[in-house]
Amino acid sequence: MPIGVEPFVFPAESNRRLPSTRFPGYIFGMNVTVLLFASYADRLGAGSLAFDLTPGATVADVLGRVRALPGADRLPSEPLVAVNERYARRDRVLVQGDEVAIIPPVAGG
């Protein structure tokens, strides 16, 4: 991402989306919904977000975007991640419409 350019972040329930068709000379991004749980939702003040990502983006890219948000500096660094309700590795490539869940580590007994 170019320096000084802020990423698009819309609340997941927003109806603001980029068009899903291609025009000559312009490549549209893909929309991914990010579900936040426990400390992530509390710290960031939302239960979900929508990110516009470039094609080929990975789970690690989503985590980087989340960590760059205001208030994320004190969040757990190694959350569990699921894509479309299945646990996923950081190198998993995302596609249009994927749902990424970020689940902080839990302890207790």
Protein backbone atom coordinates (compact mmCIF):
# COMPACT_ATOMS: atom_id res chain seq x y z
CA MET A 1 0.00 0.00 0.00
CA PRO A 2 1.45 3.43 -0.89
CA ILE A 3 2.69 5.55 1.99
CA GLY A 4 0.07 7.97 3.25
CA VAL A 5 -2.85 6.07 1.75
CA GLU A 6 -5.36 4.86 4.31
CA PRO A 7 -7.09 1.51 3.74
CA PHE A 8 -10.85 1.40 3.26
CA VAL A 9 -12.56 0.19 6.41
CA PHE A 10 -16.34 0.04 6.45
CA PRO A 11 -18.47 -1.47 9.21
CA ALA A 12 -19.51 -4.91 7.97
CA GLU A 13 -23.18 -3.99 8.04
CA SER A 14 -22.52 -1.06 5.71
CA ASN A 15 -23.94 -1.28 2.21
CA ARG A 16 -20.95 0.64 0.82
CA ARG A 17 -19.16 -1.72 -1.54
CA LEU A 18 -17.04 -1.33 -4.61
CA PRO A 19 -18.56 -2.54 -7.88
CA SER A 20 -17.82 -6.16 -8.66
CA THR A 21 -17.33 -5.72 -12.39
CA ARG A 22 -14.18 -4.81 -14.30
CA PHE A 23 -13.66 -1.79 -16.48
CA PRO A 24 -10.68 -1.48 -18.84
CA GLY A 25 -7.61 -0.30 -16.95
CA TYR A 26 -9.13 -0.64 -13.48
CA ILE A 27 -8.97 -3.66 -11.17
CA PHE A 28 -11.46 -3.67 -8.32
CA GLY A 29 -10.56 -5.08 -4.93
CA MET A 30 -12.35 -7.81 -3.09
CA ASN A 31 -14.52 -7.39 -0.02
CA VAL A 32 -13.84 -9.50 3.05
CA THR A 33 -15.81 -9.46 6.30
CA VAL A 34 -13.76 -9.64 9.49
CA LEU A 35 -15.51 -10.89 12.63
CA LEU A 36 -14.01 -9.76 15.94
CA PHE A 37 -14.46 -11.56 19.25
CA ALA A 38 -13.76 -10.85 22.93
CA SER A 39 -10.83 -8.45 23.47
CA TYR A 40 -10.62 -7.63 19.75
CA ALA A 41 -14.25 -6.52 19.62
CA ASP A 42 -13.94 -4.64 22.92
CA ARG A 43 -10.73 -2.82 22.03
CA LEU A 44 -11.76 -1.91 18.47
CA GLY A 45 -15.36 -1.08 19.36
CA ALA A 46 -16.99 -3.28 16.74
CA GLY A 47 -18.05 -6.87 16.30
CA SER A 48 -17.21 -6.87 12.61
CA LEU A 49 -15.44 -4.87 9.92
CA ALA A 50 -15.35 -4.96 6.14
CA PHE A 51 -12.04 -4.61 4.34
CA ASP A 52 -11.42 -3.92 0.69
CA LEU A 53 -8.35 -5.99 -0.19
CA THR A 54 -6.32 -6.53 -3.30
CA PRO A 55 -6.73 -9.90 -5.03
CA GLY A 56 -4.28 -12.43 -3.60
CA ALA A 57 -4.42 -11.00 -0.06
CA THR A 58 -3.83 -13.48 2.77
CA VAL A 59 -4.98 -13.96 6.34
CA ALA A 60 -1.69 -12.35 7.42
CA ASP A 61 -2.62 -9.24 5.42
CA VAL A 62 -5.95 -9.01 7.25
CA LEU A 63 -4.21 -9.39 10.62
CA GLY A 64 -1.79 -6.62 9.65
CA ARG A 65 -4.67 -4.33 8.72
CA VAL A 66 -6.42 -5.05 12.02
CA ARG A 67 -3.22 -4.43 14.00
CA ALA A 68 -2.84 -1.06 12.26
CA LEU A 69 -6.21 0.18 13.54
CA PRO A 70 -6.31 2.63 16.46
CA GLY A 71 -6.54 0.74 19.75
CA ALA A 72 -5.10 -2.51 18.42
CA ASP A 73 -1.62 -1.98 19.87
CA ARG A 74 -2.45 -3.90 23.07
CA LEU A 75 -4.28 -6.84 21.51
CA PRO A 76 -2.99 -10.43 21.69
CA SER A 77 -0.40 -10.92 18.97
CA GLU A 78 -1.25 -14.50 17.98
CA PRO A 79 -5.01 -15.00 17.71
CA LEU A 80 -6.68 -18.02 16.21
CA VAL A 81 -8.10 -17.30 12.79
CA ALA A 82 -10.90 -19.01 10.90
CA VAL A 83 -11.93 -18.42 7.30
CA ASN A 84 -15.52 -19.35 6.48
CA GLU A 85 -15.84 -21.19 9.83
CA ARG A 86 -12.69 -23.32 9.39
CA TYR A 87 -9.40 -22.65 11.13
CA ALA A 88 -6.86 -21.18 8.74
CA ARG A 89 -3.14 -20.54 8.54
CA ARG A 90 -1.65 -17.09 8.02
CA ASP A 91 -0.67 -17.89 4.42
CA ARG A 92 -4.24 -18.76 3.34
CA VAL A 93 -5.18 -16.72 0.25
CA LEU A 94 -8.56 -15.04 0.56
CA VAL A 95 -11.21 -14.60 -2.13
CA GLN A 96 -14.14 -12.23 -2.63
CA GLY A 97 -16.75 -12.61 0.09
CA ASP A 98 -14.67 -14.62 2.56
CA GLU A 99 -15.50 -14.25 6.24
CA VAL A 100 -12.44 -14.06 8.50
CA ALA A 101 -12.96 -14.60 12.25
CA ILE A 102 -10.28 -13.39 14.66
CA ILE A 103 -10.42 -15.25 17.95
CA PRO A 104 -8.08 -14.25 20.78
CA PRO A 105 -6.46 -16.95 22.91
CA VAL A 106 -8.55 -18.07 25.85
CA ALA A 107 -7.55 -19.45 29.22
CA GLY A 108 -9.41 -20.86 32.12
CA GLY A 109 -10.69 -24.02 33.48
